[in-house]
């Protein structure tokens, strides 16, 4: 299990406040699976608005953060509890799994 403090110095500009659970989507514009997940993440952000913050990080434009987060494959998602505990998921996920993991970080059952 990782903690957000490992990456805090790199998160300036991404509005991580610790008040809400956060999902960080590490993606690239040229990545097919990333583009396939984009509408699902947008839907997730809308459905959980006010309870979860969804952030997107383009690994090509934010190489320092991607390197610090040890992103080796995309898409990679960080599901972060409001206490800062991180569950890393690599690869595209179906919407049902996205909602299950989102509920877990809301309930802080990582």
N, C-alpha and C. Protein backbone atom coordinates (compact mmCIF):
# COMPACT_ATOMS: atom_id res chain seq x y z
N UNK A 1 0.85 -1.18 0.00
CA UNK A 1 0.00 0.00 0.00
C UNK A 1 0.89 1.23 0.00
N UNK A 2 0.57 2.17 -0.86
CA UNK A 2 1.31 3.42 -0.93
C UNK A 2 0.50 4.51 -0.24
N UNK A 3 1.15 5.64 -0.01
CA UNK A 3 0.47 6.76 0.60
C UNK A 3 0.73 8.01 -0.23
N UNK A 4 -0.25 8.89 -0.26
CA UNK A 4 -0.18 10.10 -1.09
C UNK A 4 1.02 10.97 -0.71
N UNK A 5 1.50 10.88 0.51
CA UNK A 5 2.65 11.71 0.90
C UNK A 5 3.87 11.40 0.05
N UNK A 6 3.94 10.20 -0.55
CA UNK A 6 5.04 9.86 -1.44
C UNK A 6 5.05 10.75 -2.68
N UNK A 7 3.90 11.30 -3.05
CA UNK A 7 3.75 12.06 -4.28
C UNK A 7 3.34 13.50 -4.06
N UNK A 8 3.12 13.91 -2.82
CA UNK A 8 2.56 15.23 -2.52
C UNK A 8 3.32 16.35 -3.20
N UNK A 9 4.64 16.28 -3.20
CA UNK A 9 5.43 17.36 -3.80
C UNK A 9 5.18 17.48 -5.30
N UNK A 10 4.73 16.41 -5.94
CA UNK A 10 4.48 16.44 -7.38
C UNK A 10 3.04 16.80 -7.73
N UNK A 11 2.18 16.90 -6.74
CA UNK A 11 0.75 17.10 -7.00
C UNK A 11 0.33 18.57 -7.03
N UNK A 12 1.26 19.49 -6.98
CA UNK A 12 0.89 20.89 -7.08
C UNK A 12 0.16 21.13 -8.40
N UNK A 13 -0.95 21.81 -8.33
CA UNK A 13 -1.72 22.08 -9.52
C UNK A 13 -2.80 21.05 -9.80
N UNK A 14 -2.81 19.98 -9.03
CA UNK A 14 -3.83 18.94 -9.23
C UNK A 14 -4.91 19.00 -8.16
N UNK A 15 -4.84 19.98 -7.28
CA UNK A 15 -5.89 20.26 -6.30
C UNK A 15 -6.20 19.06 -5.41
N UNK A 16 -5.19 18.32 -5.00
CA UNK A 16 -5.42 17.26 -4.01
C UNK A 16 -5.49 17.91 -2.65
N UNK A 17 -6.62 17.82 -2.00
CA UNK A 17 -6.80 18.50 -0.71
C UNK A 17 -6.88 17.55 0.45
N UNK A 18 -7.17 16.28 0.20
CA UNK A 18 -7.32 15.34 1.28
C UNK A 18 -8.70 15.38 1.90
N UNK A 19 -9.59 16.25 1.41
CA UNK A 19 -10.94 16.34 1.96
C UNK A 19 -11.87 15.30 1.36
N UNK A 20 -11.53 14.84 0.16
CA UNK A 20 -12.33 13.85 -0.54
C UNK A 20 -11.42 12.72 -1.00
N UNK A 21 -11.96 11.54 -1.17
CA UNK A 21 -11.19 10.51 -1.87
C UNK A 21 -10.92 10.99 -3.29
N UNK A 22 -9.84 10.49 -3.87
CA UNK A 22 -9.41 10.95 -5.19
C UNK A 22 -9.10 9.75 -6.07
N UNK A 23 -9.45 9.89 -7.35
CA UNK A 23 -9.03 8.93 -8.36
C UNK A 23 -8.14 9.71 -9.32
N UNK A 24 -6.91 9.24 -9.51
CA UNK A 24 -6.01 9.86 -10.48
C UNK A 24 -5.86 8.89 -11.64
N UNK A 25 -6.19 9.39 -12.83
CA UNK A 25 -6.08 8.62 -14.06
C UNK A 25 -4.83 9.07 -14.79
N UNK A 26 -3.80 8.21 -14.84
CA UNK A 26 -2.60 8.47 -15.62
C UNK A 26 -2.85 7.92 -17.01
N UNK A 27 -2.82 8.79 -18.02
CA UNK A 27 -3.22 8.41 -19.37
C UNK A 27 -2.33 9.12 -20.39
N UNK A 28 -2.51 8.76 -21.65
CA UNK A 28 -1.89 9.49 -22.76
C UNK A 28 -2.93 9.62 -23.87
N UNK A 29 -2.82 10.69 -24.62
CA UNK A 29 -3.81 10.94 -25.69
C UNK A 29 -3.73 9.90 -26.79
N UNK A 30 -2.59 9.27 -26.99
CA UNK A 30 -2.40 8.28 -28.05
C UNK A 30 -2.78 6.86 -27.61
N UNK A 31 -3.15 6.69 -26.36
CA UNK A 31 -3.42 5.36 -25.78
C UNK A 31 -4.88 4.96 -26.01
N UNK A 32 -5.11 3.92 -26.79
CA UNK A 32 -6.47 3.45 -27.08
C UNK A 32 -7.26 3.06 -25.84
N UNK A 33 -6.71 2.20 -24.96
CA UNK A 33 -7.44 1.84 -23.74
C UNK A 33 -7.75 3.06 -22.86
N UNK A 34 -6.83 4.02 -22.83
CA UNK A 34 -7.06 5.25 -22.06
C UNK A 34 -8.25 6.00 -22.62
N UNK A 35 -8.29 6.12 -23.93
CA UNK A 35 -9.40 6.83 -24.57
C UNK A 35 -10.72 6.08 -24.37
N UNK A 36 -10.66 4.75 -24.34
CA UNK A 36 -11.85 3.96 -24.08
C UNK A 36 -12.39 4.17 -22.67
N UNK A 37 -11.50 4.42 -21.72
CA UNK A 37 -11.92 4.63 -20.33
C UNK A 37 -12.38 6.06 -20.06
N UNK A 38 -11.99 7.00 -20.90
CA UNK A 38 -12.29 8.41 -20.66
C UNK A 38 -13.78 8.68 -20.43
N UNK A 39 -14.70 8.16 -21.26
CA UNK A 39 -16.11 8.42 -21.01
C UNK A 39 -16.61 7.81 -19.69
N UNK A 40 -16.04 6.66 -19.33
CA UNK A 40 -16.45 6.02 -18.07
C UNK A 40 -15.99 6.84 -16.87
N UNK A 41 -14.78 7.39 -16.95
CA UNK A 41 -14.28 8.22 -15.86
C UNK A 41 -15.05 9.53 -15.76
N UNK A 42 -15.44 10.08 -16.90
CA UNK A 42 -16.27 11.30 -16.89
C UNK A 42 -17.62 11.01 -16.23
N UNK A 43 -18.22 9.88 -16.60
CA UNK A 43 -19.49 9.47 -15.99
C UNK A 43 -19.33 9.26 -14.49
N UNK A 44 -18.24 8.58 -14.10
CA UNK A 44 -17.97 8.33 -12.69
C UNK A 44 -17.84 9.65 -11.93
N UNK A 45 -17.12 10.61 -12.51
CA UNK A 45 -16.94 11.92 -11.86
C UNK A 45 -18.28 12.61 -11.67
N UNK A 46 -19.17 12.49 -12.64
CA UNK A 46 -20.49 13.11 -12.54
C UNK A 46 -21.35 12.41 -11.49
N UNK A 47 -21.34 11.10 -11.49
CA UNK A 47 -22.17 10.34 -10.55
C UNK A 47 -21.71 10.49 -9.10
N UNK A 48 -20.41 10.68 -8.90
CA UNK A 48 -19.88 10.78 -7.54
C UNK A 48 -19.46 12.21 -7.19
N UNK A 49 -19.96 13.18 -7.94
CA UNK A 49 -19.62 14.58 -7.69
C UNK A 49 -19.93 14.95 -6.24
N UNK A 50 -18.97 15.61 -5.61
CA UNK A 50 -19.15 16.00 -4.21
C UNK A 50 -18.72 14.92 -3.22
N UNK A 51 -18.42 13.73 -3.72
CA UNK A 51 -17.97 12.64 -2.83
C UNK A 51 -16.59 12.12 -3.22
N UNK A 52 -16.22 12.27 -4.50
CA UNK A 52 -14.94 11.81 -5.01
C UNK A 52 -14.45 12.82 -6.03
N UNK A 53 -13.15 13.06 -6.03
CA UNK A 53 -12.55 13.95 -7.01
C UNK A 53 -11.81 13.06 -8.03
N UNK A 54 -12.05 13.30 -9.31
CA UNK A 54 -11.37 12.55 -10.37
C UNK A 54 -10.41 13.50 -11.08
N UNK A 55 -9.13 13.13 -11.08
CA UNK A 55 -8.10 13.92 -11.72
C UNK A 55 -7.50 13.13 -12.87
N UNK A 56 -7.15 13.82 -13.95
CA UNK A 56 -6.53 13.17 -15.09
C UNK A 56 -5.13 13.76 -15.26
N UNK A 57 -4.15 12.88 -15.45
CA UNK A 57 -2.77 13.30 -15.62
C UNK A 57 -2.25 12.73 -16.93
N UNK A 58 -1.98 13.62 -17.88
CA UNK A 58 -1.38 13.22 -19.16
C UNK A 58 0.10 12.95 -18.89
N UNK A 59 0.51 11.69 -19.04
CA UNK A 59 1.88 11.32 -18.69
C UNK A 59 2.91 11.98 -19.61
N UNK A 60 2.52 12.34 -20.81
CA UNK A 60 3.46 13.01 -21.72
C UNK A 60 3.69 14.47 -21.31
N UNK A 61 2.69 15.10 -20.73
CA UNK A 61 2.82 16.50 -20.31
C UNK A 61 3.28 16.63 -18.87
N UNK A 62 3.21 15.55 -18.11
CA UNK A 62 3.56 15.57 -16.68
C UNK A 62 4.52 14.42 -16.38
N UNK A 63 5.66 14.44 -17.05
CA UNK A 63 6.60 13.34 -16.94
C UNK A 63 7.20 13.19 -15.54
N UNK A 64 7.43 14.29 -14.85
CA UNK A 64 8.01 14.21 -13.50
C UNK A 64 7.07 13.47 -12.55
N UNK A 65 5.78 13.80 -12.62
CA UNK A 65 4.80 13.12 -11.76
C UNK A 65 4.68 11.65 -12.15
N UNK A 66 4.64 11.37 -13.45
CA UNK A 66 4.53 9.98 -13.92
C UNK A 66 5.74 9.17 -13.46
N UNK A 67 6.92 9.76 -13.52
CA UNK A 67 8.13 9.07 -13.06
C UNK A 67 8.09 8.86 -11.55
N UNK A 68 7.68 9.89 -10.81
CA UNK A 68 7.61 9.78 -9.35
C UNK A 68 6.60 8.72 -8.93
N UNK A 69 5.52 8.60 -9.70
CA UNK A 69 4.47 7.61 -9.39
C UNK A 69 4.81 6.23 -9.95
N UNK A 70 5.97 6.12 -10.58
CA UNK A 70 6.43 4.86 -11.16
C UNK A 70 5.40 4.28 -12.13
N UNK A 71 4.91 5.15 -13.02
CA UNK A 71 3.96 4.72 -14.04
C UNK A 71 4.75 4.08 -15.17
N UNK A 72 4.52 2.80 -15.39
CA UNK A 72 5.23 2.06 -16.43
C UNK A 72 4.29 1.60 -17.53
N UNK A 73 3.01 1.66 -17.25
CA UNK A 73 2.00 1.18 -18.18
C UNK A 73 0.77 2.06 -18.01
N UNK A 74 0.10 2.34 -19.11
CA UNK A 74 -1.11 3.15 -19.02
C UNK A 74 -2.25 2.41 -19.70
N UNK A 75 -3.46 2.65 -19.26
CA UNK A 75 -3.82 3.51 -18.14
C UNK A 75 -3.43 2.90 -16.80
N UNK A 76 -3.08 3.77 -15.87
CA UNK A 76 -2.89 3.40 -14.47
C UNK A 76 -3.77 4.34 -13.67
N UNK A 77 -4.50 3.78 -12.74
CA UNK A 77 -5.37 4.58 -11.87
C UNK A 77 -4.94 4.43 -10.43
N UNK A 78 -4.89 5.55 -9.72
CA UNK A 78 -4.68 5.56 -8.28
C UNK A 78 -6.04 5.84 -7.64
N UNK A 79 -6.48 4.96 -6.77
CA UNK A 79 -7.67 5.17 -5.96
C UNK A 79 -7.17 5.53 -4.58
N UNK A 80 -7.43 6.77 -4.14
CA UNK A 80 -6.83 7.31 -2.93
C UNK A 80 -7.91 7.65 -1.91
N UNK A 81 -7.79 7.07 -0.73
CA UNK A 81 -8.73 7.40 0.35
C UNK A 81 -8.44 8.82 0.83
N UNK A 82 -9.36 9.41 1.58
CA UNK A 82 -9.10 10.76 2.09
C UNK A 82 -7.98 10.76 3.12
N UNK A 83 -7.60 9.57 3.63
CA UNK A 83 -6.46 9.46 4.53
C UNK A 83 -5.14 9.35 3.77
N UNK A 84 -5.23 9.23 2.43
CA UNK A 84 -4.04 9.19 1.61
C UNK A 84 -3.53 7.82 1.23
N UNK A 85 -4.25 6.76 1.58
CA UNK A 85 -3.84 5.42 1.16
C UNK A 85 -4.21 5.20 -0.30
N UNK A 86 -3.30 4.57 -1.03
CA UNK A 86 -3.45 4.42 -2.48
C UNK A 86 -3.56 2.96 -2.87
N UNK A 87 -4.52 2.67 -3.72
CA UNK A 87 -4.58 1.38 -4.40
C UNK A 87 -4.34 1.66 -5.88
N UNK A 88 -3.34 1.02 -6.42
CA UNK A 88 -2.95 1.21 -7.82
C UNK A 88 -3.60 0.12 -8.67
N UNK A 89 -4.23 0.53 -9.77
CA UNK A 89 -4.82 -0.40 -10.74
C UNK A 89 -4.21 -0.10 -12.11
N UNK A 90 -3.67 -1.11 -12.74
CA UNK A 90 -3.04 -0.94 -14.05
C UNK A 90 -3.91 -1.61 -15.10
N UNK A 91 -4.17 -0.90 -16.18
CA UNK A 91 -4.97 -1.43 -17.28
C UNK A 91 -6.39 -0.91 -17.25
N UNK A 92 -7.06 -1.09 -18.37
CA UNK A 92 -8.45 -0.64 -18.48
C UNK A 92 -9.34 -1.49 -17.58
N UNK A 93 -10.33 -0.84 -16.99
CA UNK A 93 -11.28 -1.51 -16.10
C UNK A 93 -12.70 -1.30 -16.60
N UNK A 94 -13.56 -2.28 -16.39
CA UNK A 94 -14.97 -2.07 -16.73
C UNK A 94 -15.61 -1.11 -15.73
N UNK A 95 -16.70 -0.50 -16.12
CA UNK A 95 -17.35 0.50 -15.27
C UNK A 95 -17.75 -0.07 -13.91
N UNK A 96 -18.21 -1.30 -13.90
CA UNK A 96 -18.63 -1.93 -12.63
C UNK A 96 -17.46 -2.00 -11.65
N UNK A 97 -16.26 -2.30 -12.14
CA UNK A 97 -15.09 -2.35 -11.28
C UNK A 97 -14.68 -0.95 -10.83
N UNK A 98 -14.81 0.04 -11.70
CA UNK A 98 -14.53 1.42 -11.31
C UNK A 98 -15.44 1.86 -10.16
N UNK A 99 -16.72 1.54 -10.26
CA UNK A 99 -17.64 1.94 -9.19
C UNK A 99 -17.37 1.16 -7.91
N UNK A 100 -16.99 -0.11 -8.02
CA UNK A 100 -16.69 -0.91 -6.82
C UNK A 100 -15.48 -0.31 -6.09
N UNK A 101 -14.44 0.02 -6.83
CA UNK A 101 -13.25 0.61 -6.22
C UNK A 101 -13.53 2.01 -5.67
N UNK A 102 -14.38 2.75 -6.35
CA UNK A 102 -14.76 4.08 -5.87
C UNK A 102 -15.51 3.97 -4.55
N UNK A 103 -16.43 3.04 -4.47
CA UNK A 103 -17.16 2.84 -3.20
C UNK A 103 -16.20 2.45 -2.08
N UNK A 104 -15.19 1.66 -2.41
CA UNK A 104 -14.20 1.27 -1.39
C UNK A 104 -13.44 2.46 -0.84
N UNK A 105 -13.04 3.40 -1.72
CA UNK A 105 -12.29 4.54 -1.20
C UNK A 105 -13.19 5.51 -0.46
N UNK A 106 -14.46 5.57 -0.83
CA UNK A 106 -15.41 6.40 -0.08
C UNK A 106 -15.56 5.84 1.33
N UNK A 107 -15.68 4.53 1.41
CA UNK A 107 -15.84 3.87 2.71
C UNK A 107 -14.50 3.60 3.39
N UNK A 108 -13.38 3.95 2.71
CA UNK A 108 -12.02 3.78 3.24
C UNK A 108 -11.76 2.34 3.66
N UNK A 109 -12.11 1.40 2.77
CA UNK A 109 -11.86 -0.02 3.06
C UNK A 109 -10.72 -0.57 2.22
N UNK A 110 -9.63 0.16 2.14
CA UNK A 110 -8.47 -0.33 1.39
C UNK A 110 -7.61 -1.17 2.29
